[in-house]
Amino acid sequence: KMFAYYDRFGLIGSPSVLAWLLRRQPTTFEEFVSRTVLER
């Protein structure tokens, strides 16, 4: 059911609150992948 919902609508939220809580910009996907590559 989740996959069917993603097909129709996706699932998108705002990064603003997380940035405020972290006191910095949230990690980008590219930053995450680069970190994973180094770890592995």
PDB file of all heavy atoms in Angstrom:
ATOM      1  N   LYS A   1       0.829  -1.207   0.000  1.00  0.00           N
ATOM      2  CA  LYS A   1       0.000   0.000   0.000  1.00  0.00           C
ATOM      3  C   LYS A   1       0.867   1.262   0.000  1.00  0.00           C
ATOM      4  O   LYS A   1       0.526   2.265  -0.637  1.00  0.00           O
ATOM      5  CB  LYS A   1      -0.942  -0.008   1.196  1.00  0.00           C
ATOM      6  CG  LYS A   1      -2.030  -1.075   1.102  1.00  0.00           C
ATOM      7  CD  LYS A   1      -2.895  -1.107   2.348  1.00  0.00           C
ATOM      8  CE  LYS A   1      -3.963  -2.193   2.231  1.00  0.00           C
ATOM      9  NZ  LYS A   1      -4.796  -2.289   3.447  1.00  0.00           N
ATOM     10  N   MET A   2       1.990   1.193   0.700  1.00  0.00           N
ATOM     11  CA  MET A   2       2.907   2.326   0.713  1.00  0.00           C
ATOM     12  C   MET A   2       3.502   2.550  -0.680  1.00  0.00           C
ATOM     13  O   MET A   2       3.583   3.693  -1.157  1.00  0.00           O
ATOM     14  CB  MET A   2       4.025   2.090   1.731  1.00  0.00           C
ATOM     15  CG  MET A   2       5.005   3.258   1.854  1.00  0.00           C
ATOM     16  SD  MET A   2       6.381   2.901   2.984  1.00  0.00           S
ATOM     17  CE  MET A   2       7.409   1.876   1.914  1.00  0.00           C
ATOM     18  N   PHE A   3       3.904   1.474  -1.348  1.00  0.00           N
ATOM     19  CA  PHE A   3       4.466   1.611  -2.698  1.00  0.00           C
ATOM     20  C   PHE A   3       3.440   2.236  -3.649  1.00  0.00           C
ATOM     21  O   PHE A   3       3.788   3.079  -4.478  1.00  0.00           O
ATOM     22  CB  PHE A   3       4.902   0.252  -3.235  1.00  0.00           C
ATOM     23  CG  PHE A   3       5.937  -0.460  -2.407  1.00  0.00           C
ATOM     24  CD1 PHE A   3       6.027  -1.849  -2.426  1.00  0.00           C
ATOM     25  CD2 PHE A   3       6.825   0.240  -1.604  1.00  0.00           C
ATOM     26  CE1 PHE A   3       6.970  -2.512  -1.665  1.00  0.00           C
ATOM     27  CE2 PHE A   3       7.781  -0.420  -0.836  1.00  0.00           C
ATOM     28  CZ  PHE A   3       7.843  -1.806  -0.864  1.00  0.00           C
ATOM     29  N   ALA A   4       2.179   1.813  -3.525  1.00  0.00           N
ATOM     30  CA  ALA A   4       1.124   2.365  -4.377  1.00  0.00           C
ATOM     31  C   ALA A   4       0.947   3.862  -4.107  1.00  0.00           C
ATOM     32  O   ALA A   4       0.740   4.660  -5.035  1.00  0.00           O
ATOM     33  CB  ALA A   4      -0.184   1.616  -4.152  1.00  0.00           C
ATOM     34  N   TYR A   5       1.046   4.253  -2.843  1.00  0.00           N
ATOM     35  CA  TYR A   5       0.928   5.671  -2.493  1.00  0.00           C
ATOM     36  C   TYR A   5       2.107   6.458  -3.074  1.00  0.00           C
ATOM     37  O   TYR A   5       1.926   7.547  -3.647  1.00  0.00           O
ATOM     38  CB  TYR A   5       0.872   5.832  -0.974  1.00  0.00           C
ATOM     39  CG  TYR A   5       0.587   7.248  -0.538  1.00  0.00           C
ATOM     40  CD1 TYR A   5      -0.715   7.688  -0.359  1.00  0.00           C
ATOM     41  CD2 TYR A   5       1.623   8.150  -0.320  1.00  0.00           C
ATOM     42  CE1 TYR A   5      -0.984   8.999   0.025  1.00  0.00           C
ATOM     43  CE2 TYR A   5       1.367   9.452   0.066  1.00  0.00           C
ATOM     44  CZ  TYR A   5       0.065   9.878   0.238  1.00  0.00           C
ATOM     45  OH  TYR A   5      -0.185  11.173   0.605  1.00  0.00           O
ATOM     46  N   TYR A   6       3.317   5.920  -2.928  1.00  0.00           N
ATOM     47  CA  TYR A   6       4.493   6.581  -3.490  1.00  0.00           C
ATOM     48  C   TYR A   6       4.332   6.785  -4.995  1.00  0.00           C
ATOM     49  O   TYR A   6       4.721   7.835  -5.535  1.00  0.00           O
ATOM     50  CB  TYR A   6       5.742   5.745  -3.233  1.00  0.00           C
ATOM     51  CG  TYR A   6       6.286   5.789  -1.823  1.00  0.00           C
ATOM     52  CD1 TYR A   6       5.672   6.535  -0.815  1.00  0.00           C
ATOM     53  CD2 TYR A   6       7.431   5.065  -1.481  1.00  0.00           C
ATOM     54  CE1 TYR A   6       6.184   6.568   0.466  1.00  0.00           C
ATOM     55  CE2 TYR A   6       7.955   5.089  -0.199  1.00  0.00           C
ATOM     56  CZ  TYR A   6       7.333   5.830   0.763  1.00  0.00           C
ATOM     57  OH  TYR A   6       7.839   5.859   2.040  1.00  0.00           O
ATOM     58  N   ASP A   7       3.800   5.765  -5.684  1.00  0.00           N
ATOM     59  CA  ASP A   7       3.597   5.865  -7.134  1.00  0.00           C
ATOM     60  C   ASP A   7       2.726   7.064  -7.486  1.00  0.00           C
ATOM     61  O   ASP A   7       2.989   7.776  -8.459  1.00  0.00           O
ATOM     62  CB  ASP A   7       2.916   4.589  -7.657  1.00  0.00           C
ATOM     63  CG  ASP A   7       3.917   3.555  -8.136  1.00  0.00           C
ATOM     64  OD1 ASP A   7       5.046   3.928  -8.490  1.00  0.00           O
ATOM     65  OD2 ASP A   7       3.573   2.367  -8.163  1.00  0.00           O
ATOM     66  N   ARG A   8       1.680   7.272  -6.709  1.00  0.00           N
ATOM     67  CA  ARG A   8       0.701   8.307  -7.036  1.00  0.00           C
ATOM     68  C   ARG A   8       1.115   9.689  -6.552  1.00  0.00           C
ATOM     69  O   ARG A   8       0.893  10.689  -7.232  1.00  0.00           O
ATOM     70  CB  ARG A   8      -0.658   7.938  -6.436  1.00  0.00           C
ATOM     71  CG  ARG A   8      -1.288   6.690  -7.027  1.00  0.00           C
ATOM     72  CD  ARG A   8      -2.554   6.323  -6.291  1.00  0.00           C
ATOM     73  NE  ARG A   8      -3.575   7.375  -6.394  1.00  0.00           N
ATOM     74  CZ  ARG A   8      -4.630   7.467  -5.585  1.00  0.00           C
ATOM     75  NH1 ARG A   8      -4.788   6.593  -4.603  1.00  0.00           N
ATOM     76  NH2 ARG A   8      -5.507   8.438  -5.762  1.00  0.00           N
ATOM     77  N   PHE A   9       1.711   9.750  -5.355  1.00  0.00           N
ATOM     78  CA  PHE A   9       1.886  11.054  -4.714  1.00  0.00           C
ATOM     79  C   PHE A   9       3.310  11.361  -4.247  1.00  0.00           C
ATOM     80  O   PHE A   9       3.595  12.508  -3.916  1.00  0.00           O
ATOM     81  CB  PHE A   9       0.958  11.161  -3.494  1.00  0.00           C
ATOM     82  CG  PHE A   9      -0.476  10.835  -3.777  1.00  0.00           C
ATOM     83  CD1 PHE A   9      -1.065   9.704  -3.251  1.00  0.00           C
ATOM     84  CD2 PHE A   9      -1.236  11.660  -4.596  1.00  0.00           C
ATOM     85  CE1 PHE A   9      -2.400   9.402  -3.522  1.00  0.00           C
ATOM     86  CE2 PHE A   9      -2.558  11.369  -4.865  1.00  0.00           C
ATOM     87  CZ  PHE A   9      -3.147  10.237  -4.325  1.00  0.00           C
ATOM     88  N   GLY A  10       4.180  10.351  -4.183  1.00  0.00           N
ATOM     89  CA  GLY A  10       5.467  10.571  -3.533  1.00  0.00           C
ATOM     90  C   GLY A  10       5.268  10.814  -2.041  1.00  0.00           C
ATOM     91  O   GLY A  10       4.200  10.557  -1.487  1.00  0.00           O
ATOM     92  N   LEU A  11       6.278  11.362  -1.384  1.00  0.00           N
ATOM     93  CA  LEU A  11       6.154  11.727   0.032  1.00  0.00           C
ATOM     94  C   LEU A  11       7.209  12.789   0.326  1.00  0.00           C
ATOM     95  O   LEU A  11       8.399  12.476   0.416  1.00  0.00           O
ATOM     96  CB  LEU A  11       6.339  10.515   0.946  1.00  0.00           C
ATOM     97  CG  LEU A  11       5.944  10.747   2.411  1.00  0.00           C
ATOM     98  CD1 LEU A  11       4.434  10.946   2.550  1.00  0.00           C
ATOM     99  CD2 LEU A  11       6.394   9.595   3.299  1.00  0.00           C
ATOM    100  N   ILE A  12       6.760  14.030   0.475  1.00  0.00           N
ATOM    101  CA  ILE A  12       7.680  15.160   0.545  1.00  0.00           C
ATOM    102  C   ILE A  12       7.365  16.021   1.765  1.00  0.00           C
ATOM    103  O   ILE A  12       6.205  16.339   2.026  1.00  0.00           O
ATOM    104  CB  ILE A  12       7.581  16.026  -0.730  1.00  0.00           C
ATOM    105  CG1 ILE A  12       7.928  15.187  -1.962  1.00  0.00           C
ATOM    106  CG2 ILE A  12       8.514  17.238  -0.644  1.00  0.00           C
ATOM    107  CD1 ILE A  12       7.668  15.901  -3.270  1.00  0.00           C
ATOM    108  N   GLY A  13       8.417  16.376   2.490  1.00  0.00           N
ATOM    109  CA  GLY A  13       8.279  17.281   3.619  1.00  0.00           C
ATOM    110  C   GLY A  13       9.303  18.398   3.550  1.00  0.00           C
ATOM    111  O   GLY A  13      10.145  18.443   2.652  1.00  0.00           O
ATOM    112  N   SER A  14       9.255  19.284   4.526  1.00  0.00           N
ATOM    113  CA  SER A  14      10.140  20.454   4.555  1.00  0.00           C
ATOM    114  C   SER A  14      11.376  20.180   5.417  1.00  0.00           C
ATOM    115  O   SER A  14      11.267  19.589   6.501  1.00  0.00           O
ATOM    116  CB  SER A  14       9.389  21.655   5.131  1.00  0.00           C
ATOM    117  OG  SER A  14      10.297  22.709   5.406  1.00  0.00           O
ATOM    118  N   PRO A  15      12.565  20.651   4.973  1.00  0.00           N
ATOM    119  CA  PRO A  15      13.784  20.509   5.778  1.00  0.00           C
ATOM    120  C   PRO A  15      13.969  21.608   6.822  1.00  0.00           C
ATOM    121  O   PRO A  15      14.922  21.570   7.602  1.00  0.00           O
ATOM    122  CB  PRO A  15      14.889  20.586   4.727  1.00  0.00           C
ATOM    123  CG  PRO A  15      14.332  21.501   3.690  1.00  0.00           C
ATOM    124  CD  PRO A  15      12.846  21.209   3.642  1.00  0.00           C
ATOM    125  N   SER A  16      13.078  22.577   6.866  1.00  0.00           N
ATOM    126  CA  SER A  16      13.312  23.770   7.683  1.00  0.00           C
ATOM    127  C   SER A  16      13.436  23.465   9.171  1.00  0.00           C
ATOM    128  O   SER A  16      14.327  23.992   9.860  1.00  0.00           O
ATOM    129  CB  SER A  16      12.189  24.787   7.454  1.00  0.00           C
ATOM    130  OG  SER A  16      12.124  25.184   6.111  1.00  0.00           O
ATOM    131  N   VAL A  17      12.551  22.633   9.685  1.00  0.00           N
ATOM    132  CA  VAL A  17      12.574  22.342  11.125  1.00  0.00           C
ATOM    133  C   VAL A  17      13.836  21.580  11.493  1.00  0.00           C
ATOM    134  O   VAL A  17      14.468  21.862  12.519  1.00  0.00           O
ATOM    135  CB  VAL A  17      11.310  21.550  11.532  1.00  0.00           C
ATOM    136  CG1 VAL A  17      11.419  21.072  12.968  1.00  0.00           C
ATOM    137  CG2 VAL A  17      10.066  22.415  11.362  1.00  0.00           C
ATOM    138  N   LEU A  18      14.222  20.611  10.672  1.00  0.00           N
ATOM    139  CA  LEU A  18      15.435  19.851  10.972  1.00  0.00           C
ATOM    140  C   LEU A  18      16.654  20.762  10.962  1.00  0.00           C
ATOM    141  O   LEU A  18      17.533  20.641  11.832  1.00  0.00           O
ATOM    142  CB  LEU A  18      15.602  18.711   9.962  1.00  0.00           C
ATOM    143  CG  LEU A  18      16.831  17.810  10.156  1.00  0.00           C
ATOM    144  CD1 LEU A  18      16.869  17.208  11.552  1.00  0.00           C
ATOM    145  CD2 LEU A  18      16.856  16.711   9.090  1.00  0.00           C
ATOM    146  N   ALA A  19      16.732  21.677  10.020  1.00  0.00           N
ATOM    147  CA  ALA A  19      17.860  22.618   9.982  1.00  0.00           C
ATOM    148  C   ALA A  19      17.907  23.457  11.259  1.00  0.00           C
ATOM    149  O   ALA A  19      18.992  23.697  11.825  1.00  0.00           O
ATOM    150  CB  ALA A  19      17.747  23.524   8.756  1.00  0.00           C
ATOM    151  N   TRP A  20      16.758  23.893  11.724  1.00  0.00           N
ATOM    152  CA  TRP A  20      16.701  24.686  12.964  1.00  0.00           C
ATOM    153  C   TRP A  20      17.163  23.862  14.161  1.00  0.00           C
ATOM    154  O   TRP A  20      17.934  24.334  15.001  1.00  0.00           O
ATOM    155  CB  TRP A  20      15.272  25.177  13.174  1.00  0.00           C
ATOM    156  CG  TRP A  20      15.044  25.817  14.507  1.00  0.00           C
ATOM    157  CD1 TRP A  20      15.525  27.011  14.937  1.00  0.00           C
ATOM    158  CD2 TRP A  20      14.274  25.271  15.592  1.00  0.00           C
ATOM    159  NE1 TRP A  20      15.096  27.253  16.226  1.00  0.00           N
ATOM    160  CE2 TRP A  20      14.332  26.208  16.653  1.00  0.00           C
ATOM    161  CE3 TRP A  20      13.535  24.101  15.758  1.00  0.00           C
ATOM    162  CZ2 TRP A  20      13.694  25.987  17.862  1.00  0.00           C
ATOM    163  CZ3 TRP A  20      12.887  23.886  16.970  1.00  0.00           C
ATOM    164  CH2 TRP A  20      12.970  24.816  18.004  1.00  0.00           C
ATOM    165  N   LEU A  21      16.721  22.607  14.219  1.00  0.00           N
ATOM    166  CA  LEU A  21      17.082  21.747  15.350  1.00  0.00           C
ATOM    167  C   LEU A  21      18.567  21.382  15.340  1.00  0.00           C
ATOM    168  O   LEU A  21      19.204  21.307  16.394  1.00  0.00           O
ATOM    169  CB  LEU A  21      16.238  20.475  15.330  1.00  0.00           C
ATOM    170  CG  LEU A  21      14.764  20.648  15.705  1.00  0.00           C
ATOM    171  CD1 LEU A  21      13.956  19.436  15.266  1.00  0.00           C
ATOM    172  CD2 LEU A  21      14.605  20.876  17.204  1.00  0.00           C
ATOM    173  N   LEU A  22      19.125  21.149  14.153  1.00  0.00           N
ATOM    174  CA  LEU A  22      20.536  20.783  14.050  1.00  0.00           C
ATOM    175  C   LEU A  22      21.459  21.990  14.187  1.00  0.00           C
ATOM    176  O   LEU A  22      22.657  21.835  14.465  1.00  0.00           O
ATOM    177  CB  LEU A  22      20.800  20.123  12.694  1.00  0.00           C
ATOM    178  CG  LEU A  22      20.195  18.744  12.449  1.00  0.00           C
ATOM    179  CD1 LEU A  22      20.365  18.349  10.989  1.00  0.00           C
ATOM    180  CD2 LEU A  22      20.833  17.703  13.361  1.00  0.00           C
ATOM    181  N   ARG A  23      20.896  23.191  13.935  1.00  0.00           N
ATOM    182  CA  ARG A  23      21.682  24.426  13.885  1.00  0.00           C
ATOM    183  C   ARG A  23      22.692  24.386  12.736  1.00  0.00           C
ATOM    184  O   ARG A  23      23.777  24.972  12.820  1.00  0.00           O
ATOM    185  CB  ARG A  23      22.377  24.690  15.229  1.00  0.00           C
ATOM    186  CG  ARG A  23      21.385  24.752  16.388  1.00  0.00           C
ATOM    187  CD  ARG A  23      22.032  24.944  17.734  1.00  0.00           C
ATOM    188  NE  ARG A  23      21.049  24.812  18.796  1.00  0.00           N
ATOM    189  CZ  ARG A  23      21.167  23.992  19.828  1.00  0.00           C
ATOM    190  NH1 ARG A  23      22.242  23.234  19.950  1.00  0.00           N
ATOM    191  NH2 ARG A  23      20.227  23.927  20.749  1.00  0.00           N
ATOM    192  N   ARG A  24      22.316  23.688  11.700  1.00  0.00           N
ATOM    193  CA  ARG A  24      23.092  23.607  10.458  1.00  0.00           C
ATOM    194  C   ARG A  24      22.172  23.011   9.399  1.00  0.00           C
ATOM    195  O   ARG A  24      21.071  22.551   9.706  1.00  0.00           O
ATOM    196  CB  ARG A  24      24.332  22.721  10.618  1.00  0.00           C
ATOM    197  CG  ARG A  24      24.011  21.258  10.974  1.00  0.00           C
ATOM    198  CD  ARG A  24      25.219  20.378  10.779  1.00  0.00           C
ATOM    199  NE  ARG A  24      25.034  19.036  11.283  1.00  0.00           N
ATOM    200  CZ  ARG A  24      24.352  18.057  10.684  1.00  0.00           C
ATOM    201  NH1 ARG A  24      23.734  18.290   9.519  1.00  0.00           N
ATOM    202  NH2 ARG A  24      24.266  16.862  11.220  1.00  0.00           N
ATOM    203  N   GLN A  25      22.618  22.993   8.159  1.00  0.00           N
ATOM    204  CA  GLN A  25      21.831  22.365   7.112  1.00  0.00           C
ATOM    205  C   GLN A  25      21.859  20.842   7.272  1.00  0.00           C
ATOM    206  O   GLN A  25      22.898  20.268   7.617  1.00  0.00           O
ATOM    207  CB  GLN A  25      22.374  22.752   5.735  1.00  0.00           C
ATOM    208  CG  GLN A  25      22.040  24.177   5.341  1.00  0.00           C
ATOM    209  CD  GLN A  25      20.539  24.428   5.352  1.00  0.00           C
ATOM    210  OE1 GLN A  25      19.763  23.738   4.686  1.00  0.00           O
ATOM    211  NE2 GLN A  25      20.114  25.422   6.132  1.00  0.00           N
ATOM    212  N   PRO A  26      20.733  20.174   7.061  1.00  0.00           N
ATOM    213  CA  PRO A  26      20.730  18.714   7.141  1.00  0.00           C
ATOM    214  C   PRO A  26      21.659  18.092   6.102  1.00  0.00           C
ATOM    215  O   PRO A  26      21.974  18.697   5.070  1.00  0.00           O
ATOM    216  CB  PRO A  26      19.270  18.347   6.848  1.00  0.00           C
ATOM    217  CG  PRO A  26      18.488  19.584   7.127  1.00  0.00           C
ATOM    218  CD  PRO A  26      19.394  20.723   6.795  1.00  0.00           C
ATOM    219  N   THR A  27      22.081  16.881   6.373  1.00  0.00           N
ATOM    220  CA  THR A  27      22.962  16.143   5.476  1.00  0.00           C
ATOM    221  C   THR A  27      22.275  15.899   4.134  1.00  0.00           C
ATOM    222  O   THR A  27      21.119  15.486   4.086  1.00  0.00           O
ATOM    223  CB  THR A  27      23.332  14.791   6.106  1.00  0.00           C
ATOM    224  OG1 THR A  27      23.939  15.031   7.382  1.00  0.00           O
ATOM    225  CG2 THR A  27      24.282  14.000   5.228  1.00  0.00           C
ATOM    226  N   THR A  28      22.984  16.170   3.047  1.00  0.00           N
ATOM    227  CA  THR A  28      22.448  15.863   1.721  1.00  0.00           C
ATOM    228  C   THR A  28      22.657  14.389   1.416  1.00  0.00           C
ATOM    229  O   THR A  28      23.491  13.713   2.035  1.00  0.00           O
ATOM    230  CB  THR A  28      23.140  16.694   0.631  1.00  0.00           C
ATOM    231  OG1 THR A  28      24.519  16.269   0.529  1.00  0.00           O
ATOM    232  CG2 THR A  28      23.081  18.183   0.941  1.00  0.00           C
ATOM    233  N   PHE A  29      21.932  13.901   0.419  1.00  0.00           N
ATOM    234  CA  PHE A  29      22.101  12.501   0.039  1.00  0.00           C
ATOM    235  C   PHE A  29      23.507  12.256  -0.500  1.00  0.00           C
ATOM    236  O   PHE A  29      24.117  11.217  -0.211  1.00  0.00           O
ATOM    237  CB  PHE A  29      21.048  12.092  -0.988  1.00  0.00           C
ATOM    238  CG  PHE A  29      21.122  10.628  -1.356  1.00  0.00           C
ATOM    239  CD1 PHE A  29      20.813   9.651  -0.430  1.00  0.00           C
ATOM    240  CD2 PHE A  29      21.525  10.242  -2.623  1.00  0.00           C
ATOM    241  CE1 PHE A  29      20.897   8.300  -0.750  1.00  0.00           C
ATOM    242  CE2 PHE A  29      21.605   8.901  -2.965  1.00  0.00           C
ATOM    243  CZ  PHE A  29      21.287   7.927  -2.027  1.00  0.00           C
ATOM    244  N   GLU A  30      24.035  13.184  -1.253  1.00  0.00           N
ATOM    245  CA  GLU A  30      25.394  13.006  -1.773  1.00  0.00           C
ATOM    246  C   GLU A  30      26.416  12.956  -0.645  1.00  0.00           C
ATOM    247  O   GLU A  30      27.360  12.151  -0.686  1.00  0.00           O
ATOM    248  CB  GLU A  30      25.739  14.111  -2.763  1.00  0.00           C
ATOM    249  CG  GLU A  30      27.088  13.919  -3.419  1.00  0.00           C
ATOM    250  CD  GLU A  30      27.229  14.641  -4.748  1.00  0.00           C
ATOM    251  OE1 GLU A  30      26.220  15.159  -5.277  1.00  0.00           O
ATOM    252  OE2 GLU A  30      28.352  14.667  -5.273  1.00  0.00           O
ATOM    253  N   GLU A  31      26.234  13.781   0.377  1.00  0.00           N
ATOM    254  CA  GLU A  31      27.135  13.721   1.542  1.00  0.00           C
ATOM    255  C   GLU A  31      27.021  12.378   2.241  1.00  0.00           C
ATOM    256  O   GLU A  31      28.032  11.800   2.671  1.00  0.00           O
ATOM    257  CB  GLU A  31      26.806  14.861   2.506  1.00  0.00           C
ATOM    258  CG  GLU A  31      27.206  16.233   1.991  1.00  0.00           C
ATOM    259  CD  GLU A  31      26.634  17.370   2.815  1.00  0.00           C
ATOM    260  OE1 GLU A  31      25.648  17.146   3.570  1.00  0.00           O
ATOM    261  OE2 GLU A  31      27.156  18.492   2.691  1.00  0.00           O
ATOM    262  N   PHE A  32      25.800  11.867   2.354  1.00  0.00           N
ATOM    263  CA  PHE A  32      25.607  10.559   2.983  1.00  0.00           C
ATOM    264  C   PHE A  32      26.302   9.457   2.187  1.00  0.00           C
ATOM    265  O   PHE A  32      26.991   8.607   2.761  1.00  0.00           O
ATOM    266  CB  PHE A  32      24.111  10.251   3.096  1.00  0.00           C
ATOM    267  CG  PHE A  32      23.826   8.806   3.367  1.00  0.00           C
ATOM    268  CD1 PHE A  32      24.051   8.255   4.625  1.00  0.00           C
ATOM    269  CD2 PHE A  32      23.361   7.971   2.354  1.00  0.00           C
ATOM    270  CE1 PHE A  32      23.815   6.903   4.866  1.00  0.00           C
ATOM    271  CE2 PHE A  32      23.112   6.632   2.582  1.00  0.00           C
ATOM    272  CZ  PHE A  32      23.343   6.095   3.847  1.00  0.00           C
ATOM    273  N   VAL A  33      26.142   9.459   0.863  1.00  0.00           N
ATOM    274  CA  VAL A  33      26.764   8.418   0.039  1.00  0.00           C
ATOM    275  C   VAL A  33      28.284   8.521   0.114  1.00  0.00           C
ATOM    276  O   VAL A  33      28.982   7.497   0.230  1.00  0.00           O
ATOM    277  CB  VAL A  33      26.278   8.502  -1.424  1.00  0.00           C
ATOM    278  CG1 VAL A  33      26.992   7.461  -2.289  1.00  0.00           C
ATOM    279  CG2 VAL A  33      24.770   8.297  -1.500  1.00  0.00           C
ATOM    280  N   SER A  34      28.814   9.723   0.063  1.00  0.00           N
ATOM    281  CA  SER A  34      30.271   9.907   0.161  1.00  0.00           C
ATOM    282  C   SER A  34      30.787   9.369   1.488  1.00  0.00           C
ATOM    283  O   SER A  34      31.855   8.720   1.539  1.00  0.00           O
ATOM    284  CB  SER A  34      30.624  11.390   0.016  1.00  0.00           C
ATOM    285  OG  SER A  34      30.243  11.878  -1.252  1.00  0.00           O
ATOM    286  N   ARG A  35      30.073   9.627   2.571  1.00  0.00           N
ATOM    287  CA  ARG A  35      30.467   9.097   3.887  1.00  0.00           C
ATOM    288  C   ARG A  35      30.416   7.577   3.895  1.00  0.00           C
ATOM    289  O   ARG A  35      31.320   6.908   4.417  1.00  0.00           O
ATOM    290  CB  ARG A  35      29.525   9.669   4.958  1.00  0.00           C
ATOM    291  CG  ARG A  35      29.946   9.351   6.382  1.00  0.00           C
ATOM    292  CD  ARG A  35      28.936   9.913   7.363  1.00  0.00           C
ATOM    293  NE  ARG A  35      27.735   9.108   7.439  1.00  0.00           N
ATOM    294  CZ  ARG A  35      26.506   9.598   7.668  1.00  0.00           C
ATOM    295  NH1 ARG A  35      26.323  10.897   7.798  1.00  0.00           N
ATOM    296  NH2 ARG A  35      25.482   8.776   7.746  1.00  0.00           N
ATOM    297  N   THR A  36      29.375   7.018   3.289  1.00  0.00           N
ATOM    298  CA  THR A  36      29.234   5.569   3.237  1.00  0.00           C
ATOM    299  C   THR A  36      30.371   4.934   2.450  1.00  0.00           C
ATOM    300  O   THR A  36      30.930   3.900   2.841  1.00  0.00           O
ATOM    301  CB  THR A  36      27.880   5.187   2.592  1.00  0.00           C
ATOM    302  OG1 THR A  36      26.828   5.728   3.389  1.00  0.00           O
ATOM    303  CG2 THR A  36      27.727   3.678   2.488  1.00  0.00           C
ATOM    304  N   VAL A  37      30.742   5.558   1.335  1.00  0.00           N
ATOM    305  CA  VAL A  37      31.840   5.052   0.514  1.00  0.00           C
ATOM    306  C   VAL A  37      33.128   5.008   1.326  1.00  0.00           C
ATOM    307  O   VAL A  37      33.873   4.018   1.296  1.00  0.00           O
ATOM    308  CB  VAL A  37      32.011   5.916  -0.751  1.00  0.00           C
ATOM    309  CG1 VAL A  37      33.342   5.647  -1.429  1.00  0.00           C
ATOM    310  CG2 VAL A  37      30.867   5.663  -1.729  1.00  0.00           C
ATOM    311  N   LEU A  38      33.398   6.070   2.070  1.00  0.00           N
ATOM    312  CA  LEU A  38      34.609   6.096   2.902  1.00  0.00           C
ATOM    313  C   LEU A  38      34.551   5.032   3.988  1.00  0.00           C
ATOM    314  O   LEU A  38      35.551   4.345   4.245  1.00  0.00           O
ATOM    315  CB  LEU A  38      34.769   7.479   3.535  1.00  0.00           C
ATOM    316  CG  LEU A  38      35.154   8.615   2.578  1.00  0.00           C
ATOM    317  CD1 LEU A  38      35.129   9.948   3.309  1.00  0.00           C
ATOM    318  CD2 LEU A  38      36.509   8.366   1.955  1.00  0.00           C
ATOM    319  N   GLU A  39      33.382   4.868   4.618  1.00  0.00           N
ATOM    320  CA  GLU A  39      33.247   3.879   5.689  1.00  0.00           C
ATOM    321  C   GLU A  39      33.416   2.456   5.164  1.00  0.00           C
ATOM    322  O   GLU A  39      33.920   1.586   5.865  1.00  0.00           O
ATOM    323  CB  GLU A  39      31.878   4.029   6.361  1.00  0.00           C
ATOM    324  CG  GLU A  39      31.737   5.302   7.175  1.00  0.00           C
ATOM    325  CD  GLU A  39      30.320   5.527   7.650  1.00  0.00           C
ATOM    326  OE1 GLU A  39      29.392   4.821   7.211  1.00  0.00           O
ATOM    327  OE2 GLU A  39      30.137   6.458   8.466  1.00  0.00           O
ATOM    328  N   ARG A  40      32.994   2.236   3.921  1.00  0.00           N
ATOM    329  CA  ARG A  40      33.051   0.890   3.359  1.00  0.00           C
ATOM    330  C   ARG A  40      34.272   0.663   2.470  1.00  0.00           C
ATOM    331  O   ARG A  40      34.392  -0.369   1.825  1.00  0.00           O
ATOM    332  CB  ARG A  40      31.775   0.611   2.564  1.00  0.00           C
ATOM    333  CG  ARG A  40      30.535   0.615   3.458  1.00  0.00           C
ATOM    334  CD  ARG A  40      29.282   0.265   2.709  1.00  0.00           C
ATOM    335  NE  ARG A  40      28.167   0.164   3.658  1.00  0.00           N
ATOM    336  CZ  ARG A  40      27.247  -0.795   3.649  1.00  0.00           C
ATOM    337  NH1 ARG A  40      27.280  -1.740   2.714  1.00  0.00           N
ATOM    338  NH2 ARG A  40      26.292  -0.819   4.534  1.00  0.00           N
TER     339      ARG A  40
END
